[in-house]
């Protein structure tokens, strides 16, 4: 027997954090995704235990300020891409305003730390979101292109194929076939 699951990454991470922080009887509040504020001084032994507990789940405590900013850039891009409303500003303006740094600084830092560009990261996230919209919401390519702020379906298709190796139409057909097979089982 097989089961298929879907989950919300944010919810899972938040639950793991709450469980692990609660197990160590720490006073805290979760400010935003991936950001926790401690309401008391944490003894080094408890901090060491917390780090070990979280690493079991692939969660790392970030202590370097540049790395923190990189995570905030990624989080802001995810927020931007997952928004239900298309952006009315360029991604560079959105990031600069949200993070209170010049886009040049953010771009250089991102490239220095990740060895990739912000533009490439945005493109990868948009294609992942496109796949999700096709699978979960069963949207047409026109609707997906609009939702992700592409100038046209052709632009979406070109980027999709460059990243995945197949066109969005081929991806839709694969998903349809898999649904047919799953419904027969």
N, C-alpha and C. Protein backbone atom coordinates (compact mmCIF):
# COMPACT_ATOMS: atom_id res chain seq x y z
N UNK A 1 0.85 -1.18 0.00
CA UNK A 1 0.00 0.00 0.00
C UNK A 1 0.89 1.24 0.00
N UNK A 2 0.42 2.27 -0.66
CA UNK A 2 1.13 3.54 -0.76
C UNK A 2 0.21 4.65 -0.33
N UNK A 3 0.76 5.67 0.32
CA UNK A 3 -0.02 6.88 0.57
C UNK A 3 0.77 8.06 0.03
N UNK A 4 0.07 9.10 -0.29
CA UNK A 4 0.70 10.33 -0.77
C UNK A 4 0.39 11.42 0.24
N UNK A 5 1.37 12.23 0.52
CA UNK A 5 1.17 13.30 1.50
C UNK A 5 1.55 14.64 0.89
N UNK A 6 1.00 15.66 1.46
CA UNK A 6 1.45 17.00 1.13
C UNK A 6 1.56 17.73 2.45
N UNK A 7 2.45 18.68 2.52
CA UNK A 7 2.64 19.39 3.77
C UNK A 7 3.08 20.81 3.51
N UNK A 8 2.87 21.62 4.51
CA UNK A 8 3.30 23.01 4.46
C UNK A 8 4.61 23.11 5.21
N UNK A 9 5.68 23.38 4.49
CA UNK A 9 7.03 23.44 5.04
C UNK A 9 7.09 24.39 6.22
N UNK A 10 6.46 25.55 6.11
CA UNK A 10 6.49 26.54 7.19
C UNK A 10 5.86 26.00 8.46
N UNK A 11 4.73 25.32 8.32
CA UNK A 11 4.04 24.76 9.48
C UNK A 11 4.87 23.67 10.14
N UNK A 12 5.47 22.81 9.34
CA UNK A 12 6.30 21.73 9.87
C UNK A 12 7.49 22.31 10.65
N UNK A 13 8.18 23.27 10.06
CA UNK A 13 9.33 23.89 10.73
C UNK A 13 8.91 24.58 12.03
N UNK A 14 7.80 25.28 11.99
CA UNK A 14 7.33 25.98 13.19
C UNK A 14 7.01 24.98 14.30
N UNK A 15 6.38 23.88 13.94
CA UNK A 15 6.03 22.85 14.93
C UNK A 15 7.28 22.22 15.53
N UNK A 16 8.28 21.92 14.71
CA UNK A 16 9.53 21.36 15.21
C UNK A 16 10.19 22.34 16.18
N UNK A 17 10.25 23.63 15.78
CA UNK A 17 10.84 24.64 16.66
C UNK A 17 10.09 24.71 18.00
N UNK A 18 8.77 24.77 17.93
CA UNK A 18 7.98 24.85 19.15
C UNK A 18 8.22 23.65 20.06
N UNK A 19 8.25 22.45 19.48
CA UNK A 19 8.49 21.23 20.26
C UNK A 19 9.87 21.24 20.91
N UNK A 20 10.89 21.55 20.14
CA UNK A 20 12.27 21.51 20.65
C UNK A 20 12.52 22.61 21.68
N UNK A 21 12.00 23.81 21.42
CA UNK A 21 12.16 24.90 22.38
C UNK A 21 11.38 24.61 23.66
N UNK A 22 10.20 24.03 23.51
CA UNK A 22 9.38 23.66 24.67
C UNK A 22 10.02 22.57 25.51
N UNK A 23 10.63 21.58 24.84
CA UNK A 23 11.30 20.49 25.56
C UNK A 23 12.42 21.00 26.46
N UNK A 24 13.07 22.07 26.03
CA UNK A 24 14.17 22.64 26.82
C UNK A 24 13.68 23.71 27.79
N UNK A 25 12.34 23.90 27.85
CA UNK A 25 11.72 24.84 28.77
C UNK A 25 12.29 26.25 28.61
N UNK A 26 12.39 26.70 27.34
CA UNK A 26 12.92 28.02 27.04
C UNK A 26 11.77 29.00 26.83
N UNK A 27 11.96 30.22 27.28
CA UNK A 27 10.97 31.28 27.04
C UNK A 27 11.36 31.98 25.75
N UNK A 28 10.41 32.02 24.80
CA UNK A 28 10.71 32.53 23.47
C UNK A 28 9.43 33.02 22.81
N UNK A 29 9.62 33.66 21.67
CA UNK A 29 8.49 33.94 20.78
C UNK A 29 9.00 33.84 19.35
N UNK A 30 8.18 33.30 18.48
CA UNK A 30 8.53 33.19 17.07
C UNK A 30 8.09 34.48 16.39
N UNK A 31 9.07 35.20 15.84
CA UNK A 31 8.81 36.51 15.25
C UNK A 31 8.33 36.35 13.81
N UNK A 32 9.05 35.57 13.04
CA UNK A 32 8.73 35.32 11.63
C UNK A 32 9.29 33.97 11.29
N UNK A 33 9.04 33.52 10.08
CA UNK A 33 9.56 32.23 9.66
C UNK A 33 11.08 32.22 9.82
N UNK A 34 11.58 31.29 10.62
CA UNK A 34 13.02 31.16 10.81
C UNK A 34 13.63 32.16 11.77
N UNK A 35 12.79 32.92 12.49
CA UNK A 35 13.33 33.93 13.41
C UNK A 35 12.68 33.78 14.78
N UNK A 36 13.53 33.49 15.78
CA UNK A 36 13.05 33.26 17.14
C UNK A 36 13.74 34.26 18.07
N UNK A 37 12.96 34.87 18.95
CA UNK A 37 13.52 35.78 19.95
C UNK A 37 13.41 35.11 21.31
N UNK A 38 14.53 35.01 22.02
CA UNK A 38 14.53 34.45 23.36
C UNK A 38 14.20 35.56 24.35
N UNK A 39 13.36 35.25 25.32
CA UNK A 39 12.91 36.22 26.29
C UNK A 39 13.72 36.14 27.58
N UNK A 40 14.77 35.35 27.57
CA UNK A 40 15.66 35.20 28.71
C UNK A 40 17.04 34.79 28.20
N UNK A 41 18.04 34.91 29.04
CA UNK A 41 19.39 34.49 28.66
C UNK A 41 19.42 32.96 28.63
N UNK A 42 19.99 32.41 27.56
CA UNK A 42 20.03 30.96 27.40
C UNK A 42 21.40 30.44 27.83
N UNK A 43 21.42 29.52 28.79
CA UNK A 43 22.71 28.92 29.18
C UNK A 43 23.34 28.20 27.99
N UNK A 44 24.67 28.22 27.93
CA UNK A 44 25.37 27.64 26.78
C UNK A 44 25.06 26.15 26.61
N UNK A 45 24.86 25.42 27.71
CA UNK A 45 24.54 23.98 27.60
C UNK A 45 23.20 23.76 26.91
N UNK A 46 22.21 24.60 27.27
CA UNK A 46 20.89 24.47 26.63
C UNK A 46 20.97 24.84 25.15
N UNK A 47 21.78 25.87 24.84
CA UNK A 47 21.93 26.29 23.44
C UNK A 47 22.58 25.17 22.64
N UNK A 48 23.57 24.50 23.23
CA UNK A 48 24.22 23.38 22.55
C UNK A 48 23.22 22.24 22.30
N UNK A 49 22.40 21.93 23.30
CA UNK A 49 21.37 20.89 23.14
C UNK A 49 20.36 21.28 22.05
N UNK A 50 19.97 22.56 22.03
CA UNK A 50 19.02 23.04 21.03
C UNK A 50 19.60 22.88 19.64
N UNK A 51 20.85 23.28 19.46
CA UNK A 51 21.51 23.14 18.15
C UNK A 51 21.51 21.69 17.70
N UNK A 52 21.87 20.78 18.60
CA UNK A 52 21.91 19.35 18.27
C UNK A 52 20.52 18.83 17.92
N UNK A 53 19.51 19.21 18.72
CA UNK A 53 18.13 18.76 18.47
C UNK A 53 17.63 19.23 17.11
N UNK A 54 17.90 20.50 16.80
CA UNK A 54 17.40 21.06 15.54
C UNK A 54 18.13 20.47 14.33
N UNK A 55 19.42 20.18 14.48
CA UNK A 55 20.20 19.63 13.36
C UNK A 55 19.67 18.28 12.91
N UNK A 56 19.03 17.52 13.82
CA UNK A 56 18.38 16.25 13.44
C UNK A 56 17.35 16.47 12.33
N UNK A 57 16.75 17.65 12.31
CA UNK A 57 15.70 17.98 11.34
C UNK A 57 16.23 18.85 10.20
N UNK A 58 17.54 19.03 10.13
CA UNK A 58 18.12 19.84 9.07
C UNK A 58 17.97 21.33 9.30
N UNK A 59 17.71 21.72 10.55
CA UNK A 59 17.56 23.13 10.90
C UNK A 59 18.85 23.59 11.57
N UNK A 60 19.44 24.66 11.05
CA UNK A 60 20.70 25.17 11.56
C UNK A 60 20.49 26.55 12.17
N UNK A 61 21.11 26.80 13.30
CA UNK A 61 21.07 28.13 13.90
C UNK A 61 22.15 28.96 13.23
N UNK A 62 21.74 30.11 12.71
CA UNK A 62 22.66 30.97 11.97
C UNK A 62 23.18 32.05 12.91
N UNK A 63 24.49 32.21 12.94
CA UNK A 63 25.07 33.20 13.84
C UNK A 63 25.78 34.32 13.09
N UNK A 64 26.10 34.13 11.83
CA UNK A 64 26.80 35.12 11.03
C UNK A 64 25.78 36.11 10.44
N UNK A 65 25.98 37.41 10.62
CA UNK A 65 25.01 38.42 10.16
C UNK A 65 24.80 38.42 8.65
N UNK A 66 25.87 38.15 7.89
CA UNK A 66 25.71 38.09 6.44
C UNK A 66 24.82 36.92 6.05
N UNK A 67 25.00 35.79 6.72
CA UNK A 67 24.18 34.61 6.43
C UNK A 67 22.73 34.86 6.83
N UNK A 68 22.53 35.60 7.91
CA UNK A 68 21.17 35.97 8.33
C UNK A 68 20.50 36.80 7.24
N UNK A 69 21.23 37.75 6.67
CA UNK A 69 20.67 38.60 5.61
C UNK A 69 20.37 37.76 4.36
N UNK A 70 21.22 36.80 4.04
CA UNK A 70 20.96 35.91 2.90
C UNK A 70 19.65 35.16 3.12
N UNK A 71 19.45 34.64 4.33
CA UNK A 71 18.21 33.93 4.64
C UNK A 71 17.00 34.85 4.53
N UNK A 72 17.18 36.12 4.94
CA UNK A 72 16.08 37.08 4.82
C UNK A 72 15.79 37.39 3.35
N UNK A 73 16.83 37.44 2.53
CA UNK A 73 16.63 37.64 1.08
C UNK A 73 15.82 36.48 0.53
N UNK A 74 16.22 35.27 0.86
CA UNK A 74 15.51 34.07 0.37
C UNK A 74 14.07 34.06 0.86
N UNK A 75 13.87 34.39 2.12
CA UNK A 75 12.52 34.42 2.69
C UNK A 75 11.65 35.46 1.98
N UNK A 76 12.23 36.63 1.70
CA UNK A 76 11.50 37.71 1.03
C UNK A 76 11.15 37.30 -0.40
N UNK A 77 12.07 36.62 -1.07
CA UNK A 77 11.80 36.13 -2.43
C UNK A 77 10.67 35.10 -2.39
N UNK A 78 10.71 34.20 -1.42
CA UNK A 78 9.64 33.20 -1.29
C UNK A 78 8.29 33.88 -1.05
N UNK A 79 8.29 34.90 -0.21
CA UNK A 79 7.08 35.67 0.07
C UNK A 79 6.58 36.34 -1.21
N UNK A 80 7.51 36.91 -1.96
CA UNK A 80 7.19 37.61 -3.19
C UNK A 80 6.59 36.64 -4.22
N UNK A 81 7.21 35.49 -4.38
CA UNK A 81 6.79 34.50 -5.38
C UNK A 81 5.47 33.83 -4.98
N UNK A 82 5.28 33.63 -3.68
CA UNK A 82 4.07 32.91 -3.25
C UNK A 82 2.87 33.82 -3.05
N UNK A 83 3.04 35.12 -3.24
CA UNK A 83 1.93 36.05 -3.11
C UNK A 83 0.85 35.76 -4.16
N UNK A 84 -0.39 35.89 -3.75
CA UNK A 84 -1.49 35.65 -4.69
C UNK A 84 -1.70 36.82 -5.64
N UNK A 85 -1.18 37.98 -5.27
CA UNK A 85 -1.30 39.16 -6.12
C UNK A 85 0.01 39.42 -6.85
N UNK A 86 -0.04 39.65 -8.17
CA UNK A 86 1.19 39.96 -8.91
C UNK A 86 1.81 41.27 -8.40
N UNK A 87 3.13 41.32 -8.42
CA UNK A 87 3.84 42.54 -7.98
C UNK A 87 3.68 43.65 -9.00
N UNK A 88 3.57 44.86 -8.50
CA UNK A 88 3.50 46.01 -9.39
C UNK A 88 4.85 46.72 -9.50
N UNK A 89 5.86 46.16 -8.82
CA UNK A 89 7.21 46.74 -8.86
C UNK A 89 8.20 45.64 -9.24
N UNK A 90 9.38 46.08 -9.68
CA UNK A 90 10.42 45.12 -10.01
C UNK A 90 10.89 44.42 -8.74
N UNK A 91 11.40 43.20 -8.91
CA UNK A 91 11.90 42.43 -7.78
C UNK A 91 13.00 43.19 -7.05
N UNK A 92 13.85 43.89 -7.79
CA UNK A 92 14.96 44.62 -7.16
C UNK A 92 14.43 45.71 -6.23
N UNK A 93 13.39 46.41 -6.63
CA UNK A 93 12.80 47.46 -5.81
C UNK A 93 12.13 46.84 -4.59
N UNK A 94 11.41 45.76 -4.80
CA UNK A 94 10.71 45.05 -3.72
C UNK A 94 11.71 44.62 -2.64
N UNK A 95 12.80 43.97 -3.07
CA UNK A 95 13.81 43.49 -2.11
C UNK A 95 14.46 44.65 -1.37
N UNK A 96 14.82 45.70 -2.09
CA UNK A 96 15.47 46.87 -1.47
C UNK A 96 14.57 47.49 -0.41
N UNK A 97 13.29 47.66 -0.74
CA UNK A 97 12.37 48.28 0.20
C UNK A 97 12.12 47.39 1.41
N UNK A 98 11.93 46.10 1.19
CA UNK A 98 11.64 45.17 2.28
C UNK A 98 12.82 45.00 3.22
N UNK A 99 14.03 45.01 2.68
CA UNK A 99 15.21 44.69 3.49
C UNK A 99 16.05 45.91 3.86
N UNK A 100 15.63 47.09 3.40
CA UNK A 100 16.30 48.35 3.74
C UNK A 100 17.79 48.36 3.40
N UNK A 101 18.12 47.81 2.25
CA UNK A 101 19.49 47.85 1.71
C UNK A 101 19.39 48.11 0.22
N UNK A 102 20.45 48.65 -0.36
CA UNK A 102 20.43 48.86 -1.81
C UNK A 102 20.45 47.50 -2.50
N UNK A 103 19.83 47.44 -3.66
CA UNK A 103 19.80 46.18 -4.39
C UNK A 103 21.22 45.75 -4.78
N UNK A 104 22.08 46.70 -5.10
CA UNK A 104 23.47 46.38 -5.45
C UNK A 104 24.16 45.63 -4.32
N UNK A 105 23.97 46.12 -3.08
CA UNK A 105 24.57 45.46 -1.92
C UNK A 105 24.00 44.06 -1.74
N UNK A 106 22.66 43.95 -1.80
CA UNK A 106 22.01 42.64 -1.64
C UNK A 106 22.47 41.66 -2.70
N UNK A 107 22.54 42.13 -3.93
CA UNK A 107 22.93 41.28 -5.05
C UNK A 107 24.37 40.79 -4.91
N UNK A 108 25.27 41.71 -4.57
CA UNK A 108 26.68 41.33 -4.40
C UNK A 108 26.86 40.36 -3.24
N UNK A 109 26.19 40.62 -2.12
CA UNK A 109 26.29 39.74 -0.96
C UNK A 109 25.73 38.35 -1.28
N UNK A 110 24.58 38.32 -1.94
CA UNK A 110 23.95 37.05 -2.29
C UNK A 110 24.89 36.22 -3.18
N UNK A 111 25.47 36.85 -4.18
CA UNK A 111 26.39 36.15 -5.10
C UNK A 111 27.64 35.68 -4.37
N UNK A 112 28.15 36.51 -3.47
CA UNK A 112 29.36 36.17 -2.72
C UNK A 112 29.15 34.94 -1.83
N UNK A 113 28.00 34.87 -1.19
CA UNK A 113 27.75 33.79 -0.22
C UNK A 113 27.21 32.53 -0.91
N UNK A 114 26.31 32.68 -1.87
CA UNK A 114 25.64 31.51 -2.46
C UNK A 114 26.25 31.04 -3.78
N UNK A 115 27.13 31.85 -4.38
CA UNK A 115 27.72 31.57 -5.69
C UNK A 115 26.66 31.48 -6.78
N UNK A 116 25.58 32.20 -6.59
CA UNK A 116 24.49 32.28 -7.57
C UNK A 116 23.91 33.68 -7.48
N UNK A 117 23.16 34.07 -8.52
CA UNK A 117 22.58 35.41 -8.51
C UNK A 117 21.17 35.40 -7.91
N UNK A 118 20.74 36.56 -7.45
CA UNK A 118 19.37 36.71 -6.95
C UNK A 118 18.40 36.40 -8.07
N UNK A 119 18.69 36.87 -9.27
CA UNK A 119 17.81 36.64 -10.42
C UNK A 119 17.61 35.15 -10.67
N UNK A 120 18.69 34.39 -10.58
CA UNK A 120 18.60 32.94 -10.78
C UNK A 120 17.77 32.30 -9.68
N UNK A 121 17.96 32.74 -8.45
CA UNK A 121 17.19 32.20 -7.34
C UNK A 121 15.70 32.51 -7.51
N UNK A 122 15.39 33.73 -7.93
CA UNK A 122 13.99 34.10 -8.17
C UNK A 122 13.40 33.21 -9.26
N UNK A 123 14.15 33.01 -10.34
CA UNK A 123 13.66 32.18 -11.44
C UNK A 123 13.38 30.75 -10.95
N UNK A 124 14.29 30.18 -10.18
CA UNK A 124 14.09 28.82 -9.65
C UNK A 124 12.84 28.76 -8.78
N UNK A 125 12.65 29.76 -7.93
CA UNK A 125 11.48 29.76 -7.05
C UNK A 125 10.18 29.95 -7.84
N UNK A 126 10.23 30.79 -8.87
CA UNK A 126 9.03 30.99 -9.70
C UNK A 126 8.65 29.70 -10.43
N UNK A 127 9.63 28.95 -10.89
CA UNK A 127 9.33 27.70 -11.59
C UNK A 127 8.78 26.67 -10.60
N UNK A 128 9.32 26.62 -9.40
CA UNK A 128 8.77 25.72 -8.38
C UNK A 128 7.33 26.10 -8.06
N UNK A 129 7.07 27.38 -7.97
CA UNK A 129 5.70 27.86 -7.70
C UNK A 129 4.79 27.53 -8.89
N UNK A 130 5.30 27.67 -10.11
CA UNK A 130 4.52 27.34 -11.30
C UNK A 130 4.13 25.86 -11.26
N UNK A 131 5.07 25.00 -10.92
CA UNK A 131 4.77 23.57 -10.83
C UNK A 131 3.69 23.32 -9.78
N UNK A 132 3.80 23.99 -8.66
CA UNK A 132 2.81 23.84 -7.60
C UNK A 132 1.43 24.31 -8.05
N UNK A 133 1.37 25.44 -8.75
CA UNK A 133 0.09 25.95 -9.23
C UNK A 133 -0.54 25.01 -10.26
N UNK A 134 0.31 24.39 -11.07
CA UNK A 134 -0.20 23.45 -12.07
C UNK A 134 -0.73 22.19 -11.38
N UNK A 135 0.02 21.71 -10.39
CA UNK A 135 -0.35 20.46 -9.71
C UNK A 135 -1.54 20.67 -8.77
N UNK A 136 -1.41 21.61 -7.84
CA UNK A 136 -2.41 21.76 -6.78
C UNK A 136 -3.65 22.53 -7.23
N UNK A 137 -3.43 23.64 -7.92
CA UNK A 137 -4.56 24.52 -8.26
C UNK A 137 -5.13 24.24 -9.64
N UNK A 138 -4.43 23.39 -10.41
CA UNK A 138 -4.89 23.01 -11.74
C UNK A 138 -5.16 24.25 -12.61
N UNK A 139 -4.27 25.25 -12.52
CA UNK A 139 -4.43 26.48 -13.28
C UNK A 139 -3.95 26.31 -14.72
N UNK A 140 -4.50 27.12 -15.62
CA UNK A 140 -4.02 27.13 -17.00
C UNK A 140 -2.67 27.85 -17.03
N UNK A 141 -1.93 27.68 -18.12
CA UNK A 141 -0.64 28.34 -18.23
C UNK A 141 -0.78 29.86 -18.27
N UNK A 142 -1.87 30.35 -18.85
CA UNK A 142 -2.12 31.79 -18.87
C UNK A 142 -2.31 32.30 -17.45
N UNK A 143 -3.07 31.57 -16.64
CA UNK A 143 -3.30 31.97 -15.25
C UNK A 143 -2.00 31.92 -14.44
N UNK A 144 -1.20 30.88 -14.68
CA UNK A 144 0.09 30.75 -13.99
C UNK A 144 1.01 31.90 -14.36
N UNK A 145 1.10 32.20 -15.65
CA UNK A 145 1.96 33.30 -16.12
C UNK A 145 1.53 34.63 -15.48
N UNK A 146 0.25 34.88 -15.43
CA UNK A 146 -0.25 36.11 -14.82
C UNK A 146 0.08 36.16 -13.33
N UNK A 147 -0.21 35.07 -12.63
CA UNK A 147 0.00 35.01 -11.19
C UNK A 147 1.47 35.21 -10.81
N UNK A 148 2.38 34.75 -11.68
CA UNK A 148 3.81 34.85 -11.39
C UNK A 148 4.47 36.06 -12.06
N UNK A 149 3.64 36.93 -12.62
CA UNK A 149 4.11 38.19 -13.19
C UNK A 149 5.01 38.02 -14.42
N UNK A 150 4.75 36.99 -15.22
CA UNK A 150 5.47 36.83 -16.49
C UNK A 150 4.80 37.70 -17.53
N UNK A 151 5.58 38.20 -18.47
CA UNK A 151 5.04 39.06 -19.50
C UNK A 151 4.16 38.28 -20.47
N UNK A 152 4.42 36.97 -20.59
CA UNK A 152 3.62 36.13 -21.50
C UNK A 152 3.79 34.66 -21.13
N UNK A 153 2.92 33.84 -21.70
CA UNK A 153 3.04 32.39 -21.51
C UNK A 153 4.33 31.89 -22.16
N UNK A 154 4.72 32.52 -23.26
CA UNK A 154 5.96 32.12 -23.95
C UNK A 154 7.17 32.34 -23.05
N UNK A 155 7.18 33.45 -22.32
CA UNK A 155 8.29 33.74 -21.40
C UNK A 155 8.33 32.69 -20.28
N UNK A 156 7.17 32.39 -19.71
CA UNK A 156 7.07 31.33 -18.69
C UNK A 156 7.57 30.01 -19.26
N UNK A 157 7.11 29.66 -20.45
CA UNK A 157 7.48 28.39 -21.07
C UNK A 157 8.98 28.27 -21.30
N UNK A 158 9.59 29.36 -21.75
CA UNK A 158 11.03 29.36 -22.01
C UNK A 158 11.81 29.13 -20.71
N UNK A 159 11.46 29.87 -19.66
CA UNK A 159 12.15 29.69 -18.38
C UNK A 159 11.88 28.31 -17.80
N UNK A 160 10.66 27.84 -17.90
CA UNK A 160 10.28 26.54 -17.38
C UNK A 160 11.12 25.45 -18.05
N UNK A 161 11.22 25.51 -19.36
CA UNK A 161 11.99 24.51 -20.09
C UNK A 161 13.48 24.61 -19.78
N UNK A 162 14.00 25.82 -19.66
CA UNK A 162 15.42 25.99 -19.31
C UNK A 162 15.75 25.37 -17.96
N UNK A 163 14.83 25.45 -17.02
CA UNK A 163 15.07 24.94 -15.66
C UNK A 163 14.79 23.44 -15.57
N UNK A 164 13.66 23.00 -16.13
CA UNK A 164 13.23 21.61 -15.92
C UNK A 164 13.59 20.67 -17.07
N UNK A 165 13.82 21.23 -18.24
CA UNK A 165 14.11 20.39 -19.40
C UNK A 165 12.86 20.00 -20.19
N UNK A 166 11.69 20.35 -19.66
CA UNK A 166 10.43 20.08 -20.38
C UNK A 166 9.59 21.35 -20.36
N UNK A 167 8.62 21.41 -21.28
CA UNK A 167 7.74 22.58 -21.32
C UNK A 167 6.65 22.44 -20.24
N UNK A 168 6.01 23.53 -19.87
CA UNK A 168 4.92 23.43 -18.89
C UNK A 168 3.78 22.55 -19.41
N UNK A 169 3.54 22.56 -20.72
CA UNK A 169 2.49 21.71 -21.31
C UNK A 169 2.83 20.24 -21.12
N UNK A 170 4.09 19.89 -21.36
CA UNK A 170 4.51 18.51 -21.13
C UNK A 170 4.37 18.15 -19.66
N UNK A 171 4.72 19.07 -18.78
CA UNK A 171 4.58 18.85 -17.34
C UNK A 171 3.11 18.60 -16.98
N UNK A 172 2.20 19.41 -17.56
CA UNK A 172 0.77 19.21 -17.31
C UNK A 172 0.30 17.83 -17.75
N UNK A 173 0.79 17.39 -18.92
CA UNK A 173 0.40 16.06 -19.42
C UNK A 173 0.91 14.96 -18.49
N UNK A 174 2.12 15.10 -18.00
CA UNK A 174 2.68 14.11 -17.06
C UNK A 174 1.83 14.04 -15.80
N UNK A 175 1.46 15.20 -15.27
CA UNK A 175 0.63 15.25 -14.05
C UNK A 175 -0.73 14.62 -14.32
N UNK A 176 -1.33 14.90 -15.47
CA UNK A 176 -2.63 14.32 -15.82
C UNK A 176 -2.55 12.80 -15.88
N UNK A 177 -1.49 12.30 -16.53
CA UNK A 177 -1.32 10.84 -16.64
C UNK A 177 -1.16 10.22 -15.25
N UNK A 178 -0.37 10.86 -14.39
CA UNK A 178 -0.18 10.33 -13.03
C UNK A 178 -1.49 10.32 -12.26
N UNK A 179 -2.31 11.34 -12.44
CA UNK A 179 -3.62 11.38 -11.76
C UNK A 179 -4.51 10.26 -12.27
N UNK A 180 -4.49 10.03 -13.59
CA UNK A 180 -5.28 8.94 -14.17
C UNK A 180 -4.87 7.61 -13.57
N UNK A 181 -3.57 7.36 -13.51
CA UNK A 181 -3.06 6.09 -12.96
C UNK A 181 -3.43 5.97 -11.50
N UNK A 182 -3.29 7.04 -10.72
CA UNK A 182 -3.60 7.02 -9.30
C UNK A 182 -5.09 6.76 -9.08
N UNK A 183 -5.93 7.30 -9.95
CA UNK A 183 -7.39 7.11 -9.80
C UNK A 183 -7.79 5.68 -10.12
N UNK A 184 -7.01 5.00 -10.94
CA UNK A 184 -7.32 3.61 -11.31
C UNK A 184 -6.94 2.64 -10.19
N UNK A 185 -6.01 3.06 -9.34
CA UNK A 185 -5.53 2.17 -8.26
C UNK A 185 -6.49 2.07 -7.11
